[in-house]
Every structure is written in structure tokens, then in C-alpha cells.
Amino acid sequence: MPAKREDIWDNAELPAEKATAINRDRMKTYGTPVPNMEMFADLISPIVYPNEPDRKVTPPQAAMILVQLKVMREVQAGYPLDYPDNLEDICGWANVLFQCKEASRASE
């Protein structure tokens, strides 16, 4: 019988594990993510919708833009094996997206 395989998800080096720790640390400096995404959404709305002043980027959309930025960097860098920053940041921004969606749910 083959030896029991290690649980691949029980690994402190997983980007998702590191991202949550980074999110917690960032919150000490910047506060909760939803107001930050609201401000970022307000700042980028005129750039995203230059001819539609009444149209606004939402906080979840703002978080997704930041996910895409990190996806672009990961692709542009050629998926570097020894550089986990992009993957950690993608996971971190996914955490922020989750918090934005939870805030929307709470306001319904």
C-alpha cells in the first residue's frame, strides 16, 4: 500500500494563507478594506467612464481591477517560480472583494 500523501492544502506557504496575514497587517495601517475600495472606486470612476459622469465603479469592481493588475504582472513576468508576491496579492485582493460583497449583503 502506498504511503499516505501529505495534504497539499496544509501549507503555510500557500498564497492564500500568506494573503490573509498580509490583509490583517494592512488593516492596522489602512483600516477596513470596504471604505478604501469605495474611495478607490470614486477616484477611478472618471477614468473608467470618462463620458458618463453619472456612472460609477463599484467597490467590488475596484477590487477586481486590482486583481487584474496582479494577473497582468504575473503573466508579464512569465509566471516566476521564486516570486510569490503576485499570487499572494491576487489572493489578498480576492479577500478584499469578498469583504466588499459581504458589505453589500449586509446593506440589503
PDB file of N, CA and C in Angstrom:
ATOM      1  N   MET A   1       0.848  -1.174   0.000  1.00  0.00           N
ATOM      2  CA  MET A   1       0.000   0.000   0.000  1.00  0.00           C
ATOM      3  C   MET A   1       0.898   1.243   0.000  1.00  0.00           C
ATOM      4  N   PRO A   2       0.614   2.227  -0.873  1.00  0.00           N
ATOM      5  CA  PRO A   2       1.449   3.426  -0.925  1.00  0.00           C
ATOM      6  C   PRO A   2       1.329   4.242   0.355  1.00  0.00           C
ATOM      7  N   ALA A   3       2.389   4.991   0.654  1.00  0.00           N
ATOM      8  CA  ALA A   3       2.387   5.858   1.836  1.00  0.00           C
ATOM      9  C   ALA A   3       1.335   6.949   1.686  1.00  0.00           C
ATOM     10  N   LYS A   4       0.776   7.350   2.822  1.00  0.00           N
ATOM     11  CA  LYS A   4      -0.239   8.404   2.809  1.00  0.00           C
ATOM     12  C   LYS A   4       0.389   9.697   2.293  1.00  0.00           C
ATOM     13  N   ARG A   5      -0.266  10.293   1.341  1.00  0.00           N
ATOM     14  CA  ARG A   5       0.228  11.528   0.743  1.00  0.00           C
ATOM     15  C   ARG A   5      -0.051  12.716   1.650  1.00  0.00           C
ATOM     16  N   GLU A   6       0.891  13.624   1.743  1.00  0.00           N
ATOM     17  CA  GLU A   6       0.730  14.839   2.539  1.00  0.00           C
ATOM     18  C   GLU A   6      -0.436  15.657   2.001  1.00  0.00           C
ATOM     19  N   ASP A   7      -1.153  16.301   2.894  1.00  0.00           N
ATOM     20  CA  ASP A   7      -2.241  17.182   2.489  1.00  0.00           C
ATOM     21  C   ASP A   7      -1.630  18.426   1.849  1.00  0.00           C
ATOM     22  N   ILE A   8      -1.787  18.561   0.545  1.00  0.00           N
ATOM     23  CA  ILE A   8      -1.167  19.681  -0.169  1.00  0.00           C
ATOM     24  C   ILE A   8      -1.739  21.032   0.247  1.00  0.00           C
ATOM     25  N   TRP A   9      -2.884  21.053   0.886  1.00  0.00           N
ATOM     26  CA  TRP A   9      -3.512  22.317   1.286  1.00  0.00           C
ATOM     27  C   TRP A   9      -3.105  22.744   2.686  1.00  0.00           C
ATOM     28  N   ASP A  10      -2.408  21.871   3.396  1.00  0.00           N
ATOM     29  CA  ASP A  10      -1.904  22.206   4.721  1.00  0.00           C
ATOM     30  C   ASP A  10      -0.473  22.710   4.564  1.00  0.00           C
ATOM     31  N   ASN A  11      -0.355  23.969   4.114  1.00  0.00           N
ATOM     32  CA  ASN A  11       0.947  24.507   3.764  1.00  0.00           C
ATOM     33  C   ASN A  11       0.940  26.010   4.031  1.00  0.00           C
ATOM     34  N   ALA A  12       1.736  26.455   4.975  1.00  0.00           N
ATOM     35  CA  ALA A  12       1.795  27.881   5.336  1.00  0.00           C
ATOM     36  C   ALA A  12       2.306  28.749   4.196  1.00  0.00           C
ATOM     37  N   GLU A  13       2.913  28.131   3.180  1.00  0.00           N
ATOM     38  CA  GLU A  13       3.426  28.892   2.038  1.00  0.00           C
ATOM     39  C   GLU A  13       2.375  29.142   0.962  1.00  0.00           C
ATOM     40  N   LEU A  14       1.169  28.608   1.131  1.00  0.00           N
ATOM     41  CA  LEU A  14       0.109  28.866   0.148  1.00  0.00           C
ATOM     42  C   LEU A  14      -0.142  30.368   0.069  1.00  0.00           C
ATOM     43  N   PRO A  15      -0.269  30.911  -1.139  1.00  0.00           N
ATOM     44  CA  PRO A  15      -0.538  32.339  -1.267  1.00  0.00           C
ATOM     45  C   PRO A  15      -1.764  32.795  -0.479  1.00  0.00           C
ATOM     46  N   ALA A  16      -2.789  31.978  -0.410  1.00  0.00           N
ATOM     47  CA  ALA A  16      -3.998  32.363   0.326  1.00  0.00           C
ATOM     48  C   ALA A  16      -3.717  32.507   1.821  1.00  0.00           C
ATOM     49  N   GLU A  17      -2.874  31.642   2.360  1.00  0.00           N
ATOM     50  CA  GLU A  17      -2.525  31.732   3.781  1.00  0.00           C
ATOM     51  C   GLU A  17      -1.747  33.014   4.051  1.00  0.00           C
ATOM     52  N   LYS A  18      -0.775  33.289   3.207  1.00  0.00           N
ATOM     53  CA  LYS A  18       0.038  34.491   3.382  1.00  0.00           C
ATOM     54  C   LYS A  18      -0.801  35.753   3.156  1.00  0.00           C
ATOM     55  N   ALA A  19      -1.704  35.702   2.181  1.00  0.00           N
ATOM     56  CA  ALA A  19      -2.515  36.879   1.859  1.00  0.00           C
ATOM     57  C   ALA A  19      -3.377  37.305   3.031  1.00  0.00           C
ATOM     58  N   THR A  20      -3.965  36.362   3.727  1.00  0.00           N
ATOM     59  CA  THR A  20      -4.812  36.707   4.867  1.00  0.00           C
ATOM     60  C   THR A  20      -3.989  37.384   5.956  1.00  0.00           C
ATOM     61  N   ALA A  21      -2.790  36.894   6.187  1.00  0.00           N
ATOM     62  CA  ALA A  21      -1.908  37.538   7.174  1.00  0.00           C
ATOM     63  C   ALA A  21      -1.546  38.958   6.723  1.00  0.00           C
ATOM     64  N   ILE A  22      -1.288  39.122   5.437  1.00  0.00           N
ATOM     65  CA  ILE A  22      -0.979  40.448   4.894  1.00  0.00           C
ATOM     66  C   ILE A  22      -2.194  41.365   5.029  1.00  0.00           C
ATOM     67  N   ASN A  23      -3.396  40.846   4.713  1.00  0.00           N
ATOM     68  CA  ASN A  23      -4.621  41.646   4.865  1.00  0.00           C
ATOM     69  C   ASN A  23      -4.776  42.141   6.306  1.00  0.00           C
ATOM     70  N   ARG A  24      -4.550  41.254   7.256  1.00  0.00           N
ATOM     71  CA  ARG A  24      -4.658  41.648   8.670  1.00  0.00           C
ATOM     72  C   ARG A  24      -3.660  42.754   9.007  1.00  0.00           C
ATOM     73  N   ASP A  25      -2.447  42.612   8.528  1.00  0.00           N
ATOM     74  CA  ASP A  25      -1.418  43.601   8.796  1.00  0.00           C
ATOM     75  C   ASP A  25      -1.749  44.937   8.138  1.00  0.00           C
ATOM     76  N   ARG A  26      -2.206  44.907   6.908  1.00  0.00           N
ATOM     77  CA  ARG A  26      -2.566  46.138   6.196  1.00  0.00           C
ATOM     78  C   ARG A  26      -3.712  46.873   6.893  1.00  0.00           C
ATOM     79  N   MET A  27      -4.622  46.122   7.482  1.00  0.00           N
ATOM     80  CA  MET A  27      -5.767  46.732   8.151  1.00  0.00           C
ATOM     81  C   MET A  27      -5.330  47.585   9.330  1.00  0.00           C
ATOM     82  N   LYS A  28      -4.220  47.215   9.963  1.00  0.00           N
ATOM     83  CA  LYS A  28      -3.701  48.027  11.072  1.00  0.00           C
ATOM     84  C   LYS A  28      -3.320  49.425  10.590  1.00  0.00           C
ATOM     85  N   THR A  29      -2.834  49.509   9.379  1.00  0.00           N
ATOM     86  CA  THR A  29      -2.389  50.782   8.815  1.00  0.00           C
ATOM     87  C   THR A  29      -3.504  51.519   8.094  1.00  0.00           C
ATOM     88  N   TYR A  30      -4.291  50.793   7.286  1.00  0.00           N
ATOM     89  CA  TYR A  30      -5.243  51.433   6.377  1.00  0.00           C
ATOM     90  C   TYR A  30      -6.705  51.304   6.784  1.00  0.00           C
ATOM     91  N   GLY A  31      -6.982  50.542   7.815  1.00  0.00           N
ATOM     92  CA  GLY A  31      -8.371  50.341   8.223  1.00  0.00           C
ATOM     93  C   GLY A  31      -9.031  49.253   7.397  1.00  0.00           C
ATOM     94  N   THR A  32     -10.339  49.129   7.578  1.00  0.00           N
ATOM     95  CA  THR A  32     -11.077  48.070   6.885  1.00  0.00           C
ATOM     96  C   THR A  32     -11.095  48.337   5.380  1.00  0.00           C
ATOM     97  N   PRO A  33     -11.157  47.286   4.577  1.00  0.00           N
ATOM     98  CA  PRO A  33     -10.988  47.463   3.136  1.00  0.00           C
ATOM     99  C   PRO A  33     -12.158  48.113   2.406  1.00  0.00           C
ATOM    100  N   VAL A  34     -13.362  47.988   2.904  1.00  0.00           N
ATOM    101  CA  VAL A  34     -14.511  48.489   2.144  1.00  0.00           C
ATOM    102  C   VAL A  34     -14.459  50.002   1.937  1.00  0.00           C
ATOM    103  N   PRO A  35     -14.231  50.814   2.978  1.00  0.00           N
ATOM    104  CA  PRO A  35     -14.124  52.260   2.720  1.00  0.00           C
ATOM    105  C   PRO A  35     -12.979  52.608   1.767  1.00  0.00           C
ATOM    106  N   ASN A  36     -11.907  51.858   1.832  1.00  0.00           N
ATOM    107  CA  ASN A  36     -10.799  52.087   0.908  1.00  0.00           C
ATOM    108  C   ASN A  36     -11.218  51.800  -0.529  1.00  0.00           C
ATOM    109  N   MET A  37     -11.946  50.724  -0.742  1.00  0.00           N
ATOM    110  CA  MET A  37     -12.401  50.397  -2.090  1.00  0.00           C
ATOM    111  C   MET A  37     -13.455  51.395  -2.568  1.00  0.00           C
ATOM    112  N   GLU A  38     -14.265  51.912  -1.636  1.00  0.00           N
ATOM    113  CA  GLU A  38     -15.228  52.954  -2.014  1.00  0.00           C
ATOM    114  C   GLU A  38     -14.485  54.197  -2.514  1.00  0.00           C
ATOM    115  N   MET A  39     -13.437  54.589  -1.802  1.00  0.00           N
ATOM    116  CA  MET A  39     -12.657  55.756  -2.217  1.00  0.00           C
ATOM    117  C   MET A  39     -11.944  55.495  -3.543  1.00  0.00           C
ATOM    118  N   PHE A  40     -11.336  54.331  -3.673  1.00  0.00           N
ATOM    119  CA  PHE A  40     -10.653  53.984  -4.918  1.00  0.00           C
ATOM    120  C   PHE A  40     -11.639  53.971  -6.080  1.00  0.00           C
ATOM    121  N   ALA A  41     -12.821  53.396  -5.860  1.00  0.00           N
ATOM    122  CA  ALA A  41     -13.858  53.361  -6.908  1.00  0.00           C
ATOM    123  C   ALA A  41     -14.232  54.777  -7.329  1.00  0.00           C
ATOM    124  N   ASP A  42     -14.398  55.679  -6.361  1.00  0.00           N
ATOM    125  CA  ASP A  42     -14.709  57.079  -6.682  1.00  0.00           C
ATOM    126  C   ASP A  42     -13.593  57.723  -7.499  1.00  0.00           C
ATOM    127  N   LEU A  43     -12.352  57.427  -7.138  1.00  0.00           N
ATOM    128  CA  LEU A  43     -11.208  58.028  -7.827  1.00  0.00           C
ATOM    129  C   LEU A  43     -11.053  57.534  -9.263  1.00  0.00           C
ATOM    130  N   ILE A  44     -11.375  56.261  -9.503  1.00  0.00           N
ATOM    131  CA  ILE A  44     -11.171  55.723 -10.850  1.00  0.00           C
ATOM    132  C   ILE A  44     -12.401  55.827 -11.742  1.00  0.00           C
ATOM    133  N   SER A  45     -13.554  56.143 -11.167  1.00  0.00           N
ATOM    134  CA  SER A  45     -14.767  56.236 -11.983  1.00  0.00           C
ATOM    135  C   SER A  45     -14.621  57.190 -13.167  1.00  0.00           C
ATOM    136  N   PRO A  46     -14.075  58.406 -12.990  1.00  0.00           N
ATOM    137  CA  PRO A  46     -13.928  59.296 -14.150  1.00  0.00           C
ATOM    138  C   PRO A  46     -12.953  58.770 -15.204  1.00  0.00           C
ATOM    139  N   ILE A  47     -12.044  57.894 -14.793  1.00  0.00           N
ATOM    140  CA  ILE A  47     -11.102  57.305 -15.751  1.00  0.00           C
ATOM    141  C   ILE A  47     -11.776  56.165 -16.519  1.00  0.00           C
ATOM    142  N   VAL A  48     -12.513  55.341 -15.798  1.00  0.00           N
ATOM    143  CA  VAL A  48     -13.172  54.194 -16.422  1.00  0.00           C
ATOM    144  C   VAL A  48     -14.353  54.636 -17.287  1.00  0.00           C
ATOM    145  N   TYR A  49     -15.083  55.643 -16.816  1.00  0.00           N
ATOM    146  CA  TYR A  49     -16.271  56.134 -17.532  1.00  0.00           C
ATOM    147  C   TYR A  49     -16.130  57.632 -17.816  1.00  0.00           C
ATOM    148  N   PRO A  50     -15.177  58.041 -18.677  1.00  0.00           N
ATOM    149  CA  PRO A  50     -14.912  59.471 -18.855  1.00  0.00           C
ATOM    150  C   PRO A  50     -16.073  60.266 -19.447  1.00  0.00           C
ATOM    151  N   ASN A  51     -16.909  59.625 -20.220  1.00  0.00           N
ATOM    152  CA  ASN A  51     -18.024  60.323 -20.872  1.00  0.00           C
ATOM    153  C   ASN A  51     -19.369  60.050 -20.225  1.00  0.00           C
ATOM    154  N   GLU A  52     -19.319  59.408 -19.052  1.00  0.00           N
ATOM    155  CA  GLU A  52     -20.553  59.067 -18.336  1.00  0.00           C
ATOM    156  C   GLU A  52     -20.396  59.470 -16.871  1.00  0.00           C
ATOM    157  N   PRO A  53     -20.507  60.760 -16.568  1.00  0.00           N
ATOM    158  CA  PRO A  53     -20.228  61.226 -15.200  1.00  0.00           C
ATOM    159  C   PRO A  53     -21.142  60.646 -14.128  1.00  0.00           C
ATOM    160  N   ASP A  54     -22.302  60.156 -14.512  1.00  0.00           N
ATOM    161  CA  ASP A  54     -23.215  59.565 -13.525  1.00  0.00           C
ATOM    162  C   ASP A  54     -22.924  58.080 -13.273  1.00  0.00           C
ATOM    163  N   ARG A  55     -22.076  57.491 -14.085  1.00  0.00           N
ATOM    164  CA  ARG A  55     -21.767  56.078 -13.935  1.00  0.00           C
ATOM    165  C   ARG A  55     -20.583  55.921 -12.992  1.00  0.00           C
ATOM    166  N   LYS A  56     -20.689  55.007 -12.049  1.00  0.00           N
ATOM    167  CA  LYS A  56     -19.662  54.834 -11.016  1.00  0.00           C
ATOM    168  C   LYS A  56     -19.154  53.401 -10.977  1.00  0.00           C
ATOM    169  N   VAL A  57     -17.877  53.256 -10.738  1.00  0.00           N
ATOM    170  CA  VAL A  57     -17.285  51.950 -10.459  1.00  0.00           C
ATOM    171  C   VAL A  57     -17.711  51.565  -9.046  1.00  0.00           C
ATOM    172  N   THR A  58     -18.054  50.310  -8.851  1.00  0.00           N
ATOM    173  CA  THR A  58     -18.443  49.837  -7.527  1.00  0.00           C
ATOM    174  C   THR A  58     -17.199  49.345  -6.771  1.00  0.00           C
ATOM    175  N   PRO A  59     -17.279  49.278  -5.447  1.00  0.00           N
ATOM    176  CA  PRO A  59     -16.140  48.719  -4.704  1.00  0.00           C
ATOM    177  C   PRO A  59     -15.743  47.305  -5.151  1.00  0.00           C
ATOM    178  N   PRO A  60     -16.699  46.391  -5.413  1.00  0.00           N
ATOM    179  CA  PRO A  60     -16.263  45.077  -5.914  1.00  0.00           C
ATOM    180  C   PRO A  60     -15.537  45.179  -7.261  1.00  0.00           C
ATOM    181  N   GLN A  61     -16.013  46.063  -8.144  1.00  0.00           N
ATOM    182  CA  GLN A  61     -15.328  46.238  -9.423  1.00  0.00           C
ATOM    183  C   GLN A  61     -13.919  46.797  -9.208  1.00  0.00           C
ATOM    184  N   ALA A  62     -13.785  47.718  -8.262  1.00  0.00           N
ATOM    185  CA  ALA A  62     -12.478  48.290  -7.961  1.00  0.00           C
ATOM    186  C   ALA A  62     -11.514  47.199  -7.490  1.00  0.00           C
ATOM    187  N   ALA A  63     -11.997  46.307  -6.637  1.00  0.00           N
ATOM    188  CA  ALA A  63     -11.156  45.200  -6.171  1.00  0.00           C
ATOM    189  C   ALA A  63     -10.767  44.291  -7.333  1.00  0.00           C
ATOM    190  N   MET A  64     -11.702  44.046  -8.249  1.00  0.00           N
ATOM    191  CA  MET A  64     -11.405  43.193  -9.405  1.00  0.00           C
ATOM    192  C   MET A  64     -10.370  43.835 -10.322  1.00  0.00           C
ATOM    193  N   ILE A  65     -10.400  45.156 -10.437  1.00  0.00           N
ATOM    194  CA  ILE A  65      -9.380  45.843 -11.236  1.00  0.00           C
ATOM    195  C   ILE A  65      -7.997  45.584 -10.639  1.00  0.00           C
ATOM    196  N   LEU A  66      -7.908  45.596  -9.319  1.00  0.00           N
ATOM    197  CA  LEU A  66      -6.618  45.341  -8.669  1.00  0.00           C
ATOM    198  C   LEU A  66      -6.200  43.875  -8.814  1.00  0.00           C
ATOM    199  N   VAL A  67      -7.155  42.960  -8.811  1.00  0.00           N
ATOM    200  CA  VAL A  67      -6.840  41.553  -9.101  1.00  0.00           C
ATOM    201  C   VAL A  67      -6.246  41.461 -10.502  1.00  0.00           C
ATOM    202  N   GLN A  68      -6.892  42.130 -11.456  1.00  0.00           N
ATOM    203  CA  GLN A  68      -6.424  42.058 -12.839  1.00  0.00           C
ATOM    204  C   GLN A  68      -5.028  42.665 -13.004  1.00  0.00           C
ATOM    205  N   LEU A  69      -4.731  43.719 -12.245  1.00  0.00           N
ATOM    206  CA  LEU A  69      -3.394  44.304 -12.278  1.00  0.00           C
ATOM    207  C   LEU A  69      -2.358  43.250 -11.896  1.00  0.00           C
ATOM    208  N   LYS A  70      -2.648  42.504 -10.840  1.00  0.00           N
ATOM    209  CA  LYS A  70      -1.707  41.485 -10.389  1.00  0.00           C
ATOM    210  C   LYS A  70      -1.654  40.303 -11.365  1.00  0.00           C
ATOM    211  N   VAL A  71      -2.774  39.975 -12.002  1.00  0.00           N
ATOM    212  CA  VAL A  71      -2.764  38.931 -13.033  1.00  0.00           C
ATOM    213  C   VAL A  71      -1.850  39.373 -14.178  1.00  0.00           C
ATOM    214  N   MET A  72      -1.993  40.625 -14.601  1.00  0.00           N
ATOM    215  CA  MET A  72      -1.149  41.152 -15.677  1.00  0.00           C
ATOM    216  C   MET A  72       0.327  41.062 -15.303  1.00  0.00           C
ATOM    217  N   ARG A  73       0.651  41.417 -14.077  1.00  0.00           N
ATOM    218  CA  ARG A  73       2.055  41.366 -13.654  1.00  0.00           C
ATOM    219  C   ARG A  73       2.581  39.932 -13.627  1.00  0.00           C
ATOM    220  N   GLU A  74       1.758  39.012 -13.185  1.00  0.00           N
ATOM    221  CA  GLU A  74       2.180  37.602 -13.149  1.00  0.00           C
ATOM    222  C   GLU A  74       2.435  37.097 -14.567  1.00  0.00           C
ATOM    223  N   VAL A  75       1.538  37.415 -15.482  1.00  0.00           N
ATOM    224  CA  VAL A  75       1.700  36.989 -16.877  1.00  0.00           C
ATOM    225  C   VAL A  75       2.931  37.669 -17.488  1.00  0.00           C
ATOM    226  N   GLN A  76       3.036  38.972 -17.295  1.00  0.00           N
ATOM    227  CA  GLN A  76       4.140  39.734 -17.866  1.00  0.00           C
ATOM    228  C   GLN A  76       5.495  39.225 -17.368  1.00  0.00           C
ATOM    229  N   ALA A  77       5.548  38.805 -16.122  1.00  0.00           N
ATOM    230  CA  ALA A  77       6.799  38.299 -15.544  1.00  0.00           C
ATOM    231  C   ALA A  77       7.101  36.862 -15.951  1.00  0.00           C
ATOM    232  N   GLY A  78       6.161  36.227 -16.655  1.00  0.00           N
ATOM    233  CA  GLY A  78       6.393  34.852 -17.106  1.00  0.00           C
ATOM    234  C   GLY A  78       6.195  33.806 -16.022  1.00  0.00           C
ATOM    235  N   TYR A  79       5.293  34.083 -15.091  1.00  0.00           N
ATOM    236  CA  TYR A  79       4.978  33.128 -14.019  1.00  0.00           C
ATOM    237  C   TYR A  79       6.241  32.707 -13.244  1.00  0.00           C
ATOM    238  N   PRO A  80       6.936  33.673 -12.633  1.00  0.00           N
ATOM    239  CA  PRO A  80       8.206  33.361 -11.971  1.00  0.00           C
ATOM    240  C   PRO A  80       8.026  32.378 -10.813  1.00  0.00           C
ATOM    241  N   LEU A  81       8.870  31.370 -10.790  1.00  0.00           N
ATOM    242  CA  LEU A  81       8.758  30.318  -9.781  1.00  0.00           C
ATOM    243  C   LEU A  81       9.124  30.798  -8.382  1.00  0.00           C
ATOM    244  N   ASP A  82      10.030  31.716  -8.264  1.00  0.00           N
ATOM    245  CA  ASP A  82      10.518  32.145  -6.952  1.00  0.00           C
ATOM    246  C   ASP A  82      10.019  33.529  -6.558  1.00  0.00           C
ATOM    247  N   TYR A  83       8.866  33.927  -7.091  1.00  0.00           N
ATOM    248  CA  TYR A  83       8.326  35.252  -6.774  1.00  0.00           C
ATOM    249  C   TYR A  83       6.829  35.117  -6.503  1.00  0.00           C
ATOM    250  N   PRO A  84       6.459  34.866  -5.247  1.00  0.00           N
ATOM    251  CA  PRO A  84       5.054  34.618  -4.912  1.00  0.00           C
ATOM    252  C   PRO A  84       4.218  35.890  -4.724  1.00  0.00           C
ATOM    253  N   ASP A  85       4.820  37.060  -4.797  1.00  0.00           N
ATOM    254  CA  ASP A  85       4.126  38.311  -4.488  1.00  0.00           C
ATOM    255  C   ASP A  85       2.826  38.484  -5.269  1.00  0.00           C
ATOM    256  N   ASN A  86       2.858  38.238  -6.577  1.00  0.00           N
ATOM    257  CA  ASN A  86       1.649  38.433  -7.376  1.00  0.00           C
ATOM    258  C   ASN A  86       0.525  37.509  -6.939  1.00  0.00           C
ATOM    259  N   LEU A  87       0.860  36.254  -6.699  1.00  0.00           N
ATOM    260  CA  LEU A  87      -0.166  35.296  -6.277  1.00  0.00           C
ATOM    261  C   LEU A  87      -0.717  35.660  -4.903  1.00  0.00           C
ATOM    262  N   GLU A  88       0.162  36.076  -4.005  1.00  0.00           N
ATOM    263  CA  GLU A  88      -0.294  36.500  -2.676  1.00  0.00           C
ATOM    264  C   GLU A  88      -1.215  37.717  -2.794  1.00  0.00           C
ATOM    265  N   ASP A  89      -0.838  38.663  -3.648  1.00  0.00           N
ATOM    266  CA  ASP A  89      -1.673  39.852  -3.819  1.00  0.00           C
ATOM    267  C   ASP A  89      -3.004  39.531  -4.486  1.00  0.00           C
ATOM    268  N   ILE A  90      -3.005  38.606  -5.453  1.00  0.00           N
ATOM    269  CA  ILE A  90      -4.277  38.187  -6.066  1.00  0.00           C
ATOM    270  C   ILE A  90      -5.200  37.633  -4.987  1.00  0.00           C
ATOM    271  N   CYS A  91      -4.662  36.778  -4.128  1.00  0.00           N
ATOM    272  CA  CYS A  91      -5.460  36.217  -3.031  1.00  0.00           C
ATOM    273  C   CYS A  91      -5.913  37.316  -2.074  1.00  0.00           C
ATOM    274  N   GLY A  92      -5.031  38.249  -1.784  1.00  0.00           N
ATOM    275  CA  GLY A  92      -5.384  39.351  -0.889  1.00  0.00           C
ATOM    276  C   GLY A  92      -6.498  40.213  -1.454  1.00  0.00           C
ATOM    277  N   TRP A  93      -6.401  40.541  -2.748  1.00  0.00           N
ATOM    278  CA  TRP A  93      -7.465  41.343  -3.366  1.00  0.00           C
ATOM    279  C   TRP A  93      -8.760  40.531  -3.474  1.00  0.00           C
ATOM    280  N   ALA A  94      -8.658  39.215  -3.633  1.00  0.00           N
ATOM    281  CA  ALA A  94      -9.869  38.384  -3.602  1.00  0.00           C
ATOM    282  C   ALA A  94     -10.508  38.446  -2.218  1.00  0.00           C
ATOM    283  N   ASN A  95      -9.694  38.497  -1.166  1.00  0.00           N
ATOM    284  CA  ASN A  95     -10.225  38.680   0.188  1.00  0.00           C
ATOM    285  C   ASN A  95     -10.954  40.021   0.303  1.00  0.00           C
ATOM    286  N   VAL A  96     -10.364  41.073  -0.270  1.00  0.00           N
ATOM    287  CA  VAL A  96     -10.993  42.395  -0.243  1.00  0.00           C
ATOM    288  C   VAL A  96     -12.303  42.361  -1.022  1.00  0.00           C
ATOM    289  N   LEU A  97     -12.305  41.712  -2.175  1.00  0.00           N
ATOM    290  CA  LEU A  97     -13.546  41.564  -2.956  1.00  0.00           C
ATOM    291  C   LEU A  97     -14.618  40.872  -2.122  1.00  0.00           C
ATOM    292  N   PHE A  98     -14.238  39.813  -1.428  1.00  0.00           N
ATOM    293  CA  PHE A  98     -15.180  39.102  -0.557  1.00  0.00           C
ATOM    294  C   PHE A  98     -15.767  40.059   0.477  1.00  0.00           C
ATOM    295  N   GLN A  99     -14.909  40.865   1.112  1.00  0.00           N
ATOM    296  CA  GLN A  99     -15.395  41.805   2.134  1.00  0.00           C
ATOM    297  C   GLN A  99     -16.334  42.853   1.529  1.00  0.00           C
ATOM    298  N   CYS A 100     -16.043  43.314   0.322  1.00  0.00           N
ATOM    299  CA  CYS A 100     -16.935  44.268  -0.354  1.00  0.00           C
ATOM    300  C   CYS A 100     -18.299  43.636  -0.632  1.00  0.00           C
ATOM    301  N   LYS A 101     -18.287  42.400  -1.088  1.00  0.00           N
ATOM    302  CA  LYS A 101     -19.551  41.710  -1.349  1.00  0.00           C
ATOM    303  C   LYS A 101     -20.325  41.472  -0.054  1.00  0.00           C
ATOM    304  N   GLU A 102     -19.615  41.122   1.018  1.00  0.00           N
ATOM    305  CA  GLU A 102     -20.284  40.929   2.310  1.00  0.00           C
ATOM    306  C   GLU A 102     -20.894  42.234   2.806  1.00  0.00           C
ATOM    307  N   ALA A 103     -20.209  43.354   2.581  1.00  0.00           N
ATOM    308  CA  ALA A 103     -20.759  44.657   2.975  1.00  0.00           C
ATOM    309  C   ALA A 103     -22.018  44.967   2.170  1.00  0.00           C
ATOM    310  N   SER A 104     -22.031  44.598   0.901  1.00  0.00           N
ATOM    311  CA  SER A 104     -23.233  44.791   0.077  1.00  0.00           C
ATOM    312  C   SER A 104     -24.385  43.938   0.596  1.00  0.00           C
ATOM    313  N   ARG A 105     -24.062  42.703   0.966  1.00  0.00           N
ATOM    314  CA  ARG A 105     -25.085  41.803   1.506  1.00  0.00           C
ATOM    315  C   ARG A 105     -25.677  42.378   2.793  1.00  0.00           C
ATOM    316  N   ALA A 106     -24.826  42.927   3.639  1.00  0.00           N
ATOM    317  CA  ALA A 106     -25.256  43.482   4.923  1.00  0.00           C
ATOM    318  C   ALA A 106     -26.151  44.706   4.747  1.00  0.00           C
ATOM    319  N   SER A 107     -25.959  45.436   3.628  1.00  0.00           N
ATOM    320  CA  SER A 107     -26.751  46.633   3.414  1.00  0.00           C
ATOM    321  C   SER A 107     -28.068  46.368   2.700  1.00  0.00           C
ATOM    322  N   GLU A 108     -28.320  45.113   2.314  1.00  0.00           N
ATOM    323  CA  GLU A 108     -29.591  44.775   1.637  1.00  0.00           C
ATOM    324  C   GLU A 108     -30.744  44.747   2.598  1.00  0.00           C
TER     325      GLU A 108
END
